[in-house]
Amino acid sequence: MPRSDIIFLHAPSVYDFRKKPIFYGPVSDVVPSSPVFEMYPIGFMTISTHLEKAGYRTRIVNLAVQMLADERFDVERRIRSLDAEVFAIDLHWMPHAHGALEIAKLVKSIHPHAKVQLGGFSATYFHEELMQRPEVDFVMRGDSTELPQVEFMDALTGEGDFSKVPNLCWKDKDGKAVINPLTFIPDSLDYVEFDYGTMIKNTMRNMDIKGALPWLGWDKLPLTSVFTVRGCCYNCSQCGGSAAAGKTFLCRRRPAFRSPEKLAEDIERIGDYLASPVFIIGDVRQGGKDYAERLFKGIKERGVDNHIAMEMFYPGDREFYRMAEDALGEYSLEFSPESQDQSVRSNISPLGDFDNSAMTKTIRTAFEHGCQRYDLFFMIGLPEQTRESALGISDYSRSLWNSLDNDQRLFVYSAPFAPFVDPGSKAFENPEKYGYRFFARTLEEHRQLLDSPSWKYVLSYETKWMSRDDIARTSYDVAFGLNQVMLDCGQISAEEKAGRDLRTSTAVDLMHRIDDIMLITDAEERESRLWDVKEDGMNIMASTICDKKDLDWNTGSIWRNAPRVATGLLKSTARSLRSRF
């Protein structure tokens, strides 16, 4: 196996989840990955691309995917087979607080002379705590670390000066932590090298398709993504990516956008390799009307034929949907109003201060102008949300489908706001104001929560309006209600409803059984009884209260895309040659 200069490792949420009696519940029912959160951040690809361009040999190894795919997969043996100067582990979102740190310990024990580096939002927020851990040598702070990472590798391999690397946390010869200023905060993202070809080339070079998969099953149903912005214009109270959070720990005063022209080019290049859907991260209207117009124009001019899915932060108007239809033909949308209760919505963010008739109108208008799928997401465990308010999700969904003639292009999901409130968000920094009570504040406290036997005990919060028990019970009750509504409105068959109800009933029973087990005072007996229910929990791990298959787009596997991949690699080589001469 060829040596790498730097290997990016993605850990499971909990290490080793296969050897622990854990009932995950519905914490990931509305995202592509499993409760192991095996999806690695898109930054792996962009950072890798910049390093490769600078002459460094990189590799991505998704340990979480391989652990999910094969219960006999030996993580320690795999790490022992790897050889690199630096092992970079993402700690982007808090669900990886356990796995990332345990993998860091493993790497340091197996490769004591290699350097272990962490990065991501959560690593940035908890950088001081991380630097006190013996298994961590470096932390790279910030939301845009492609260029600082190149500078770091230059300093490391050339015996340079770490003190001059922006955003870097490091240890001096006495082991004392040194925190460099977080000064690399770009105002534009047009500098970012964004090329899926880097991932494909590295996979071919290392002959390791399974290890490089973004999440389990991606090879069969690939979904790609591009990003419009880092930072945000808006201030949703629980979001670690909000404007307030950016100021709190990322030192970002304003969002940094990728130009519409560059974004259209990114989408075209994805189409060079794959016929997969492309998800645009970030509401394209956040950059203003002109931004959306230029993006749609660029996509149309380039003749992109990939299906496009977009995020929406608030209802759209007819002009927006007409532009989308003209440029894209057919497309998909995702909208997370969080609650059907306007008072709850508007308390979270001013973006939520619209009435429900606006929601109906925007969905109907989207369907009139090319939208082929509209995903609507509701959360449970929000500030000022009571159990009665959350239970209203089902009745609202019924009225919504009825008003849209039971259109089957509309998909409605509900899930608990789990497992953590993001550090750095307004709610995390000022819990009393938003009615939260937290069970974890430090990184270590979050890490310990993740090692709990049931998702209910992993929740880092409860609110003035709902306890942990209330949030868990209500999440399941809403699921039952939505199943009935979907049957009545012709969205699912009686057989499908029975299957969903059975999974949810099994989950409720498991939750109560674990509650009873946790009352056992004898530790050995308690552990034994928890293992008795593990298999039942694993059987419904992928889908608990929703059917995860609803999230899939119909697309061909990566193997069906092989001719297109070959063409894309030729185009990439041609672009590289042109840039040199």
Protein backbone atom coordinates (compact mmCIF):
# COMPACT_ATOMS: atom_id res chain seq x y z
CA MET A 1 0.00 0.00 0.00
CA PRO A 2 1.58 3.34 -1.03
CA ARG A 3 2.45 5.75 1.78
CA SER A 4 0.36 8.88 2.15
CA ASP A 5 1.42 12.26 3.45
CA ILE A 6 -1.93 12.72 5.15
CA ILE A 7 -4.85 10.37 5.68
CA PHE A 8 -8.32 11.70 6.50
CA LEU A 9 -10.15 9.33 8.85
CA HIS A 10 -13.88 9.41 9.50
CA ALA A 11 -14.98 7.73 12.71
CA PRO A 12 -18.40 6.37 13.67
CA SER A 13 -20.43 8.34 16.15
CA VAL A 14 -19.59 5.82 18.88
CA TYR A 15 -16.57 3.52 18.92
CA ASP A 16 -17.02 0.57 18.87
CA PHE A 17 -20.81 0.59 18.41
CA ARG A 18 -20.68 -3.09 17.37
CA LYS A 19 -19.41 -4.04 20.82
CA LYS A 20 -21.83 -1.93 22.84
CA PRO A 21 -25.51 -2.50 23.64
CA ILE A 22 -26.88 0.69 22.09
CA PHE A 23 -30.42 1.49 20.91
CA TYR A 24 -30.07 4.42 18.51
CA GLY A 25 -33.71 5.27 17.91
CA PRO A 26 -34.77 7.87 15.34
CA VAL A 27 -31.78 10.25 15.63
CA SER A 28 -30.88 9.96 11.92
CA ASP A 29 -34.15 8.98 10.28
CA VAL A 30 -34.23 12.16 8.16
CA VAL A 31 -30.62 12.20 6.90
CA PRO A 32 -28.94 9.87 4.36
CA SER A 33 -26.55 8.26 6.84
CA SER A 34 -27.35 5.81 9.64
CA PRO A 35 -27.28 6.62 13.39
CA VAL A 36 -23.56 5.85 13.19
CA PHE A 37 -23.37 9.11 11.19
CA GLU A 38 -20.96 7.58 8.69
CA MET A 39 -21.16 10.51 6.25
CA TYR A 40 -17.86 12.38 6.20
CA PRO A 41 -17.79 16.17 5.67
CA ILE A 42 -17.40 17.64 2.20
CA GLY A 43 -14.29 19.42 3.50
CA PHE A 44 -12.38 16.14 3.22
CA MET A 45 -12.66 16.45 -0.54
CA THR A 46 -11.85 20.16 -0.87
CA ILE A 47 -8.88 20.00 1.52
CA SER A 48 -7.60 16.88 -0.21
CA THR A 49 -7.85 18.59 -3.60
CA HIS A 50 -5.77 21.56 -2.43
CA LEU A 51 -3.15 19.30 -0.87
CA GLU A 52 -2.88 17.12 -3.98
CA LYS A 53 -2.41 20.25 -6.10
CA ALA A 54 0.40 21.29 -3.73
CA GLY A 55 2.12 17.94 -4.27
CA TYR A 56 0.97 16.00 -1.21
CA ARG A 57 -0.39 12.47 -1.40
CA THR A 58 -3.73 12.23 0.39
CA ARG A 59 -6.23 9.53 1.17
CA ILE A 60 -9.74 9.32 2.66
CA VAL A 61 -10.60 6.29 4.81
CA ASN A 62 -14.17 6.06 6.07
CA LEU A 63 -13.85 3.69 9.00
CA ALA A 64 -17.51 4.14 9.94
CA VAL A 65 -18.75 2.81 6.58
CA GLN A 66 -16.51 -0.24 6.74
CA MET A 67 -17.59 -1.00 10.31
CA LEU A 68 -21.23 -0.82 9.24
CA ALA A 69 -20.71 -2.94 6.16
CA ASP A 70 -18.81 -5.74 7.90
CA GLU A 71 -19.22 -6.64 11.56
CA ARG A 72 -15.88 -8.50 11.36
CA PHE A 73 -14.00 -5.48 10.01
CA ASP A 74 -10.91 -5.03 12.21
CA VAL A 75 -10.40 -1.32 12.80
CA GLU A 76 -7.09 -1.69 14.59
CA ARG A 77 -5.73 -3.89 11.82
CA ARG A 78 -6.84 -1.37 9.22
CA ILE A 79 -5.20 1.54 11.04
CA ARG A 80 -2.04 -0.54 11.45
CA SER A 81 -1.97 -1.07 7.66
CA LEU A 82 -2.04 2.67 7.01
CA ASP A 83 1.10 4.76 6.80
CA ALA A 84 1.10 8.54 6.91
CA GLU A 85 2.82 11.53 8.43
CA VAL A 86 -0.52 12.96 9.57
CA PHE A 87 -3.85 11.38 10.45
CA ALA A 88 -6.59 14.02 10.22
CA ILE A 89 -9.86 13.19 11.99
CA ASP A 90 -13.02 15.24 11.59
CA LEU A 91 -14.90 16.45 14.63
CA HIS A 92 -17.34 18.61 12.72
CA TRP A 93 -20.65 17.96 14.45
CA MET A 94 -20.98 16.82 18.05
CA PRO A 95 -22.40 13.32 17.36
CA HIS A 96 -18.77 12.31 16.64
CA ALA A 97 -17.47 13.41 20.05
CA HIS A 98 -17.02 9.79 21.13
CA GLY A 99 -15.83 8.08 17.96
CA ALA A 100 -13.42 10.78 16.83
CA LEU A 101 -11.58 10.83 20.15
CA GLU A 102 -11.44 7.05 20.47
CA ILE A 103 -10.03 6.72 16.94
CA ALA A 104 -7.49 9.42 17.78
CA LYS A 105 -6.37 7.32 20.76
CA LEU A 106 -6.09 4.23 18.56
CA VAL A 107 -4.03 6.02 15.94
CA LYS A 108 -1.67 7.43 18.55
CA SER A 109 -1.20 4.03 20.19
CA ILE A 110 -0.56 2.25 16.86
CA HIS A 111 1.45 5.04 15.19
CA PRO A 112 3.05 6.92 18.12
CA HIS A 113 5.33 8.96 15.85
CA ALA A 114 2.57 10.11 13.49
CA LYS A 115 0.77 13.39 14.08
CA VAL A 116 -2.94 13.38 14.97
CA GLN A 117 -4.93 16.42 13.90
CA LEU A 118 -8.59 17.29 14.44
CA GLY A 119 -10.71 19.87 12.66
CA GLY A 120 -14.30 20.97 12.06
CA PHE A 121 -16.90 23.12 13.80
CA SER A 122 -16.94 21.16 17.06
CA ALA A 123 -13.15 20.86 17.12
CA THR A 124 -12.97 24.62 16.67
CA TYR A 125 -15.40 25.30 19.51
CA PHE A 126 -13.65 22.90 21.91
CA HIS A 127 -10.08 23.46 20.68
CA GLU A 128 -8.70 24.30 24.14
CA GLU A 129 -10.15 21.14 25.66
CA LEU A 130 -8.87 19.05 22.75
CA MET A 131 -5.34 20.38 23.11
CA GLN A 132 -5.21 19.06 26.67
CA ARG A 133 -5.67 15.50 25.41
CA PRO A 134 -2.44 13.52 24.87
CA GLU A 135 -3.76 11.84 21.71
CA VAL A 136 -4.27 15.19 19.95
CA ASP A 137 -1.24 16.98 18.48
CA PHE A 138 -2.95 19.65 16.38
CA VAL A 139 -6.33 21.30 15.91
CA MET A 140 -7.12 23.33 12.81
CA ARG A 141 -9.80 25.91 13.57
CA GLY A 142 -12.23 27.62 11.22
CA ASP A 143 -14.79 26.86 8.53
CA SER A 144 -12.37 27.30 5.60
CA THR A 145 -9.11 25.47 6.19
CA GLU A 146 -7.96 24.39 2.72
CA LEU A 147 -5.09 26.89 2.45
CA PRO A 148 -4.04 26.82 6.13
CA GLN A 149 -3.84 23.02 5.81
CA VAL A 150 -1.38 23.35 2.94
CA GLU A 151 0.68 25.80 5.02
CA PHE A 152 0.59 23.37 7.92
CA MET A 153 1.89 20.49 5.78
CA ASP A 154 4.59 22.76 4.36
CA ALA A 155 5.68 23.66 7.90
CA LEU A 156 5.57 20.06 9.06
CA THR A 157 7.49 18.52 6.18
CA GLY A 158 9.90 21.42 5.77
CA GLU A 159 10.61 21.88 9.47
CA GLY A 160 8.93 25.25 9.24
CA ASP A 161 7.43 27.50 11.86
CA PHE A 162 4.03 26.37 13.15
CA SER A 163 3.53 29.79 14.75
CA LYS A 164 3.05 31.29 11.30
CA VAL A 165 0.26 28.90 10.25
CA PRO A 166 -3.10 30.68 10.64
CA ASN A 167 -5.87 28.98 12.63
CA LEU A 168 -3.54 26.26 13.94
CA CYS A 169 -3.38 24.96 17.50
CA TRP A 170 -0.17 23.07 18.28
CA LYS A 171 2.11 21.99 21.14
CA ASP A 172 5.60 23.36 21.75
CA LYS A 173 8.63 21.24 22.72
CA ASP A 174 7.46 21.25 26.34
CA GLY A 175 3.99 20.00 25.39
CA LYS A 176 2.32 23.35 26.10
CA ALA A 177 -0.61 24.25 23.86
CA VAL A 178 -0.09 27.21 21.54
CA ILE A 179 -3.18 28.81 19.97
CA ASN A 180 -2.45 30.73 16.77
CA PRO A 181 -4.91 33.50 15.88
CA LEU A 182 -7.88 32.47 13.75
CA THR A 183 -7.11 34.87 10.91
CA PHE A 184 -7.86 32.95 7.72
CA ILE A 185 -11.52 33.84 7.25
CA PRO A 186 -12.05 34.30 3.51
CA ASP A 187 -14.74 36.68 2.25
CA SER A 188 -15.24 34.59 -0.90
CA LEU A 189 -15.14 30.86 -1.60
CA ASP A 190 -14.03 31.14 -5.19
CA TYR A 191 -10.51 30.10 -4.16
CA VAL A 192 -11.75 26.61 -3.20
CA GLU A 193 -10.76 23.77 -5.52
CA PHE A 194 -13.93 21.69 -5.77
CA ASP A 195 -13.49 18.53 -7.81
CA TYR A 196 -15.05 15.11 -7.25
CA GLY A 197 -12.33 13.86 -9.59
CA THR A 198 -9.83 14.05 -6.71
CA MET A 199 -11.87 11.55 -4.71
CA ILE A 200 -12.22 9.27 -7.74
CA LYS A 201 -8.48 9.39 -8.57
CA ASN A 202 -7.46 8.72 -4.98
CA THR A 203 -9.87 5.80 -4.79
CA MET A 204 -8.34 4.30 -7.93
CA ARG A 205 -4.80 4.93 -6.70
CA ASN A 206 -5.44 3.23 -3.36
CA MET A 207 -7.70 0.51 -4.81
CA ASP A 208 -10.12 1.13 -1.96
CA ILE A 209 -13.66 1.86 -3.07
CA LYS A 210 -15.34 0.76 0.17
CA GLY A 211 -13.04 2.84 2.34
CA ALA A 212 -13.72 6.02 0.38
CA LEU A 213 -17.54 5.84 0.24
CA PRO A 214 -19.19 9.01 1.63
CA TRP A 215 -21.80 6.83 3.38
CA LEU A 216 -23.01 3.25 3.30
CA GLY A 217 -24.92 2.58 0.07
CA TRP A 218 -23.61 5.67 -1.75
CA ASP A 219 -22.17 3.43 -4.47
CA LYS A 220 -25.66 2.09 -5.24
CA LEU A 221 -27.55 5.40 -4.94
CA PRO A 222 -25.00 8.19 -5.27
CA LEU A 223 -26.00 11.71 -4.25
CA THR A 224 -23.55 14.58 -4.67
CA SER A 225 -23.54 18.09 -3.25
CA VAL A 226 -22.14 21.57 -3.76
CA PHE A 227 -22.05 24.45 -1.30
CA THR A 228 -23.15 28.04 -1.88
CA VAL A 229 -21.79 29.61 1.29
CA ARG A 230 -19.92 29.24 4.54
CA GLY A 231 -21.50 31.16 7.33
CA CYS A 232 -25.08 32.34 7.27
CA CYS A 233 -27.16 35.52 7.09
CA TYR A 234 -29.71 34.18 9.56
CA ASN A 235 -29.88 33.41 13.26
CA CYS A 236 -31.88 30.29 14.01
CA SER A 237 -31.53 29.75 17.74
CA GLN A 238 -30.26 26.14 17.84
CA CYS A 239 -28.03 26.16 14.75
CA GLY A 240 -24.25 25.91 15.09
CA GLY A 241 -23.91 27.29 11.57
CA SER A 242 -25.94 30.47 12.21
CA ALA A 243 -24.63 34.02 11.96
CA ALA A 244 -24.42 34.25 15.76
CA ALA A 245 -22.51 30.97 16.01
CA GLY A 246 -20.11 32.14 13.33
CA LYS A 247 -19.27 35.22 15.35
CA THR A 248 -19.07 33.27 18.62
CA PHE A 249 -16.32 30.79 17.71
CA LEU A 250 -15.46 31.05 14.01
CA CYS A 251 -14.70 34.78 14.02
CA ARG A 252 -16.84 35.11 10.89
CA ARG A 253 -18.57 38.48 10.61
CA ARG A 254 -20.28 37.86 7.30
CA PRO A 255 -21.06 34.88 5.05
CA ALA A 256 -18.56 33.91 2.35
CA PHE A 257 -20.29 32.93 -0.88
CA ARG A 258 -19.12 30.90 -3.82
CA SER A 259 -19.93 32.87 -6.94
CA PRO A 260 -22.87 31.60 -8.98
CA GLU A 261 -20.58 31.09 -11.96
CA LYS A 262 -18.18 28.90 -9.95
CA LEU A 263 -21.12 27.00 -8.49
CA ALA A 264 -22.53 26.29 -11.94
CA GLU A 265 -19.08 25.09 -12.99
CA ASP A 266 -18.94 22.77 -9.95
CA ILE A 267 -22.28 21.24 -10.91
CA GLU A 268 -21.17 20.80 -14.51
CA ARG A 269 -17.99 19.02 -13.38
CA ILE A 270 -19.98 16.64 -11.21
CA GLY A 271 -21.99 15.84 -14.35
CA ASP A 272 -18.72 15.03 -16.12
CA TYR A 273 -18.25 12.11 -13.71
CA LEU A 274 -21.69 11.08 -12.49
CA ALA A 275 -25.33 11.25 -13.59
CA SER A 276 -26.29 11.54 -9.92
CA PRO A 277 -28.59 14.16 -8.36
CA VAL A 278 -26.78 17.26 -7.09
CA PHE A 279 -27.90 18.81 -3.81
CA ILE A 280 -27.19 22.53 -3.47
CA ILE A 281 -26.36 23.24 0.18
CA GLY A 282 -27.66 26.60 1.38
CA ASP A 283 -30.66 28.54 0.11
CA VAL A 284 -29.59 30.05 -3.23
CA ARG A 285 -31.62 33.17 -2.37
CA GLN A 286 -29.39 33.93 0.61
CA GLY A 287 -27.01 35.74 -1.73
CA GLY A 288 -29.82 37.87 -3.14
CA LYS A 289 -32.07 37.73 -6.17
CA ASP A 290 -29.17 38.41 -8.54
CA TYR A 291 -27.25 35.45 -7.11
CA ALA A 292 -30.10 33.02 -7.85
CA GLU A 293 -30.63 34.47 -11.34
CA ARG A 294 -26.94 34.13 -12.24
CA LEU A 295 -26.79 30.57 -10.89
CA PHE A 296 -29.82 29.42 -12.85
CA LYS A 297 -28.49 31.14 -15.95
CA GLY A 298 -25.10 29.42 -15.56
CA ILE A 299 -26.65 25.98 -15.11
CA LYS A 300 -28.85 26.44 -18.17
CA GLU A 301 -26.00 27.71 -20.36
CA ARG A 302 -23.82 24.75 -19.40
CA GLY A 303 -26.54 22.27 -20.32
CA VAL A 304 -26.42 20.43 -17.00
CA ASP A 305 -28.60 17.31 -17.12
CA ASN A 306 -28.16 16.14 -13.50
CA HIS A 307 -31.25 16.39 -11.33
CA ILE A 308 -30.93 19.37 -8.98
CA ALA A 309 -32.21 19.46 -5.40
CA MET A 310 -32.25 22.70 -3.42
CA GLU A 311 -32.65 23.85 0.17
CA MET A 312 -35.18 26.50 1.10
CA PHE A 313 -35.06 28.51 4.34
CA TYR A 314 -38.43 30.24 3.83
CA PRO A 315 -41.32 30.10 1.32
CA GLY A 316 -40.56 31.01 -2.28
CA ASP A 317 -42.54 33.17 -4.69
CA ARG A 318 -43.74 32.41 -8.20
CA GLU A 319 -40.88 34.31 -9.84
CA PHE A 320 -38.31 32.08 -8.12
CA TYR A 321 -40.04 28.88 -9.20
CA ARG A 322 -40.39 30.15 -12.78
CA MET A 323 -36.63 30.81 -12.90
CA ALA A 324 -35.95 27.33 -11.52
CA GLU A 325 -38.25 25.67 -14.04
CA ASP A 326 -36.79 27.60 -16.96
CA ALA A 327 -33.22 26.60 -16.06
CA LEU A 328 -33.67 23.14 -14.57
CA GLY A 329 -36.89 21.77 -16.01
CA GLU A 330 -37.59 19.35 -13.16
CA TYR A 331 -36.04 19.72 -9.70
CA SER A 332 -36.56 18.84 -6.01
CA LEU A 333 -36.85 21.01 -2.88
CA GLU A 334 -36.25 20.58 0.83
CA PHE A 335 -37.79 22.92 3.39
CA SER A 336 -37.45 22.69 7.19
CA PRO A 337 -39.98 25.04 8.79
CA GLU A 338 -39.24 23.08 12.03
CA SER A 339 -42.80 23.45 13.37
CA GLN A 340 -46.31 23.83 12.01
CA ASP A 341 -46.95 26.17 14.96
CA GLN A 342 -46.23 29.73 13.86
CA SER A 343 -45.46 30.96 17.37
CA VAL A 344 -42.85 28.21 17.81
CA ARG A 345 -41.38 28.89 14.35
CA SER A 346 -41.04 32.63 14.84
CA ASN A 347 -39.42 32.13 18.25
CA ILE A 348 -36.65 30.10 16.61
CA SER A 349 -35.96 32.63 13.87
CA PRO A 350 -37.57 35.63 12.11
CA LEU A 351 -37.52 33.43 9.00
CA GLY A 352 -40.31 31.41 10.58
CA ASP A 353 -42.66 34.35 10.93
CA PHE A 354 -45.08 33.34 8.18
CA ASP A 355 -48.51 31.78 8.44
CA ASN A 356 -49.31 28.25 7.32
CA SER A 357 -51.23 29.44 4.29
CA ALA A 358 -47.90 30.71 2.92
CA MET A 359 -46.52 27.18 3.28
CA THR A 360 -49.41 25.71 1.31
CA LYS A 361 -49.12 28.39 -1.34
CA THR A 362 -45.39 27.98 -1.86
CA ILE A 363 -45.65 24.19 -2.24
CA ARG A 364 -48.55 24.47 -4.68
CA THR A 365 -46.68 27.07 -6.73
CA ALA A 366 -43.55 24.91 -6.79
CA PHE A 367 -45.58 21.97 -8.14
CA GLU A 368 -46.99 24.24 -10.85
CA HIS A 369 -43.46 25.12 -11.95
CA GLY A 370 -41.39 21.96 -12.31
CA CYS A 371 -40.91 20.71 -8.75
CA GLN A 372 -41.12 16.90 -8.78
CA ARG A 373 -40.47 16.33 -5.10
CA TYR A 374 -40.97 18.52 -2.04
CA ASP A 375 -39.59 17.32 1.30
CA LEU A 376 -40.98 19.01 4.42
CA PHE A 377 -39.28 18.46 7.79
CA PHE A 378 -40.62 19.06 11.32
CA MET A 379 -38.69 18.79 14.59
CA ILE A 380 -39.67 17.84 18.14
CA GLY A 381 -37.93 19.35 21.18
CA LEU A 382 -37.97 23.03 20.19
CA PRO A 383 -38.20 26.08 22.46
CA GLU A 384 -41.83 26.86 23.44
CA GLN A 385 -43.00 23.64 21.79
CA THR A 386 -45.37 21.70 24.05
CA ARG A 387 -46.40 18.08 23.57
CA GLU A 388 -49.80 19.29 22.33
CA SER A 389 -48.13 21.60 19.81
CA ALA A 390 -45.93 18.80 18.48
CA LEU A 391 -48.86 16.40 18.19
CA GLY A 392 -50.46 18.98 15.90
CA ILE A 393 -47.94 18.04 13.16
CA SER A 394 -50.20 15.17 12.08
CA ASP A 395 -53.37 17.26 11.80
CA TYR A 396 -51.53 20.01 9.96
CA SER A 397 -50.06 17.47 7.51
CA ARG A 398 -53.53 16.12 6.82
CA SER A 399 -54.86 19.58 6.03
CA LEU A 400 -51.82 20.32 3.87
CA TRP A 401 -52.18 17.18 1.76
CA ASN A 402 -55.93 17.74 1.47
CA SER A 403 -55.41 21.29 0.24
CA LEU A 404 -52.96 19.97 -2.37
CA ASP A 405 -55.32 17.22 -3.58
CA ASN A 406 -53.16 14.61 -1.83
CA ASP A 407 -50.29 15.28 -4.22
CA GLN A 408 -47.80 12.41 -3.93
CA ARG A 409 -44.87 14.68 -4.71
CA LEU A 410 -45.08 16.00 -1.14
CA PHE A 411 -43.17 14.08 1.56
CA VAL A 412 -43.56 15.02 5.24
CA TYR A 413 -41.13 13.94 7.95
CA SER A 414 -40.93 14.45 11.69
CA ALA A 415 -38.03 13.62 13.99
CA PRO A 416 -36.68 14.57 17.41
CA PHE A 417 -34.22 17.46 17.52
CA ALA A 418 -31.40 15.07 18.34
CA PRO A 419 -29.09 14.35 19.81
CA PHE A 420 -27.52 17.70 20.78
CA VAL A 421 -28.12 21.43 20.61
CA ASP A 422 -25.15 22.80 18.69
CA PRO A 423 -22.40 24.41 20.77
CA GLY A 424 -21.98 28.03 19.74
CA SER A 425 -25.64 28.46 18.85
CA LYS A 426 -27.67 31.14 20.62
CA ALA A 427 -29.57 28.50 22.57
CA PHE A 428 -26.40 26.77 23.75
CA GLU A 429 -24.79 30.03 24.83
CA ASN A 430 -27.93 31.35 26.55
CA PRO A 431 -30.04 28.33 27.54
CA GLU A 432 -32.18 30.17 30.10
CA LYS A 433 -33.44 32.60 27.49
CA TYR A 434 -34.60 29.77 25.24
CA GLY A 435 -35.92 27.51 27.98
CA TYR A 436 -33.27 24.79 27.72
CA ARG A 437 -31.68 22.70 30.43
CA PHE A 438 -28.46 20.97 29.32
CA PHE A 439 -26.98 17.70 30.58
CA ALA A 440 -23.66 18.37 28.82
CA ARG A 441 -21.58 21.51 28.35
CA THR A 442 -18.03 20.26 27.81
CA LEU A 443 -16.71 18.02 25.05
CA GLU A 444 -16.05 15.25 27.56
CA GLU A 445 -19.61 15.44 28.90
CA HIS A 446 -20.98 15.10 25.36
CA ARG A 447 -18.62 12.18 24.74
CA GLN A 448 -19.92 10.40 27.83
CA LEU A 449 -23.57 10.94 26.83
CA LEU A 450 -22.96 9.24 23.48
CA ASP A 451 -21.96 6.09 25.35
CA SER A 452 -25.50 5.72 26.73
CA PRO A 453 -27.63 2.61 26.00
CA SER A 454 -30.60 4.48 24.52
CA TRP A 455 -30.99 7.56 22.36
CA LYS A 456 -33.22 9.15 24.99
CA TYR A 457 -30.31 9.24 27.46
CA VAL A 458 -28.01 10.65 24.76
CA LEU A 459 -30.17 13.77 24.42
CA SER A 460 -28.09 16.62 25.81
CA TYR A 461 -31.12 18.73 26.66
CA GLU A 462 -34.68 19.05 27.76
CA THR A 463 -36.86 22.14 27.67
CA LYS A 464 -39.19 23.96 30.05
CA TRP A 465 -42.04 22.56 27.99
CA MET A 466 -40.91 18.95 27.46
CA SER A 467 -38.66 16.61 29.43
CA ARG A 468 -36.46 13.98 27.81
CA ASP A 469 -39.24 11.45 28.37
CA ASP A 470 -41.79 13.80 26.80
CA ILE A 471 -39.61 14.38 23.73
CA ALA A 472 -39.08 10.65 23.18
CA ARG A 473 -42.72 9.71 23.77
CA THR A 474 -44.01 12.55 21.61
CA SER A 475 -41.64 11.69 18.75
CA TYR A 476 -43.15 8.21 18.55
CA ASP A 477 -46.73 9.42 18.96
CA VAL A 478 -46.29 11.90 16.12
CA ALA A 479 -44.91 9.08 13.98
CA PHE A 480 -48.02 6.97 14.61
CA GLY A 481 -50.23 9.96 13.76
CA LEU A 482 -48.36 10.70 10.54
CA ASN A 483 -48.60 7.06 9.46
CA GLN A 484 -52.39 7.22 9.76
CA VAL A 485 -52.55 10.53 7.90
CA MET A 486 -50.37 9.21 5.08
CA LEU A 487 -52.64 6.19 4.72
CA ASP A 488 -55.80 8.33 4.73
CA CYS A 489 -54.31 10.72 2.17
CA GLY A 490 -53.17 7.99 -0.19
CA GLN A 491 -49.44 8.45 0.37
CA ILE A 492 -48.80 4.90 1.60
CA SER A 493 -50.63 1.58 1.43
CA ALA A 494 -52.15 -0.27 4.36
CA GLU A 495 -49.26 -2.73 4.15
CA GLU A 496 -46.70 0.08 4.29
CA LYS A 497 -48.50 1.63 7.26
CA ALA A 498 -48.45 -1.68 9.09
CA GLY A 499 -44.70 -1.98 8.54
CA ARG A 500 -44.05 1.55 9.78
CA ASP A 501 -46.29 1.08 12.80
CA LEU A 502 -44.54 -2.18 13.65
CA ARG A 503 -41.10 -0.55 13.58
CA THR A 504 -42.29 2.31 15.75
CA SER A 505 -44.07 -0.02 18.19
CA THR A 506 -40.90 -2.09 18.46
CA ALA A 507 -38.93 1.08 19.17
CA VAL A 508 -41.35 2.17 21.90
CA ASP A 509 -41.20 -1.26 23.50
CA LEU A 510 -37.39 -1.23 23.38
CA MET A 511 -37.27 2.20 24.97
CA HIS A 512 -39.44 1.05 27.87
CA ARG A 513 -37.47 -2.19 28.29
CA ILE A 514 -34.22 -0.24 28.48
CA ASP A 515 -35.78 2.17 30.99
CA ASP A 516 -36.60 -0.84 33.20
CA ILE A 517 -33.14 -2.33 32.73
CA MET A 518 -31.49 0.92 33.77
CA LEU A 519 -33.19 0.61 37.17
CA ILE A 520 -31.20 -2.58 37.88
CA THR A 521 -28.52 -1.74 40.45
CA ASP A 522 -26.23 -4.70 39.75
CA ALA A 523 -23.91 -3.50 36.95
CA GLU A 524 -23.15 -6.96 35.57
CA GLU A 525 -26.79 -7.97 35.36
CA ARG A 526 -27.73 -4.61 33.85
CA GLU A 527 -25.10 -5.00 31.12
CA SER A 528 -26.25 -8.55 30.38
CA ARG A 529 -29.87 -7.49 30.04
CA LEU A 530 -28.91 -4.61 27.74
CA TRP A 531 -27.15 -7.07 25.43
CA ASP A 532 -30.37 -9.09 25.29
CA VAL A 533 -32.12 -6.22 23.46
CA LYS A 534 -29.23 -5.11 21.22
CA GLU A 535 -30.23 -7.20 18.21
CA ASP A 536 -33.79 -5.86 18.27
CA GLY A 537 -32.39 -2.34 18.23
CA MET A 538 -30.01 -3.05 15.37
CA ASN A 539 -32.84 -4.51 13.29
CA ILE A 540 -34.62 -1.13 13.21
CA MET A 541 -31.48 0.99 13.26
CA ALA A 542 -31.84 2.41 9.74
CA SER A 543 -35.51 3.43 9.96
CA THR A 544 -37.40 3.85 13.21
CA ILE A 545 -40.19 6.38 12.78
CA CYS A 546 -39.70 7.18 9.08
CA ASP A 547 -38.94 4.99 6.09
CA LYS A 548 -35.41 5.97 5.08
CA LYS A 549 -36.03 4.75 1.54
CA ASP A 550 -38.29 7.78 1.08
CA LEU A 551 -35.12 9.90 1.05
CA ASP A 552 -33.64 8.10 -1.97
CA TRP A 553 -33.56 9.62 -5.43
CA ASN A 554 -33.90 7.21 -8.34
CA THR A 555 -30.47 7.08 -9.94
CA GLY A 556 -27.99 4.60 -11.32
CA SER A 557 -25.15 3.05 -9.33
CA ILE A 558 -21.60 4.30 -9.74
CA TRP A 559 -20.91 1.21 -11.86
CA ARG A 560 -23.50 2.33 -14.42
CA ASN A 561 -21.65 5.65 -14.48
CA ALA A 562 -18.29 4.07 -15.40
CA PRO A 563 -18.16 5.45 -18.99
CA ARG A 564 -19.01 8.93 -17.74
CA VAL A 565 -16.32 8.66 -15.03
CA ALA A 566 -13.72 7.81 -17.65
CA THR A 567 -14.74 10.81 -19.76
CA GLY A 568 -14.65 13.06 -16.70
CA LEU A 569 -11.13 11.96 -15.80
CA LEU A 570 -9.96 12.76 -19.34
CA LYS A 571 -11.53 16.22 -19.11
CA SER A 572 -9.88 16.74 -15.71
CA THR A 573 -6.47 15.81 -17.11
CA ALA A 574 -6.98 18.22 -20.00
CA ARG A 575 -7.89 21.04 -17.60
CA SER A 576 -4.80 20.32 -15.52
CA LEU A 577 -2.55 20.44 -18.57
CA ARG A 578 -4.09 23.71 -19.75
CA SER A 579 -3.49 25.30 -16.34
CA ARG A 580 0.22 24.47 -16.54
CA PHE A 581 0.83 26.02 -19.94
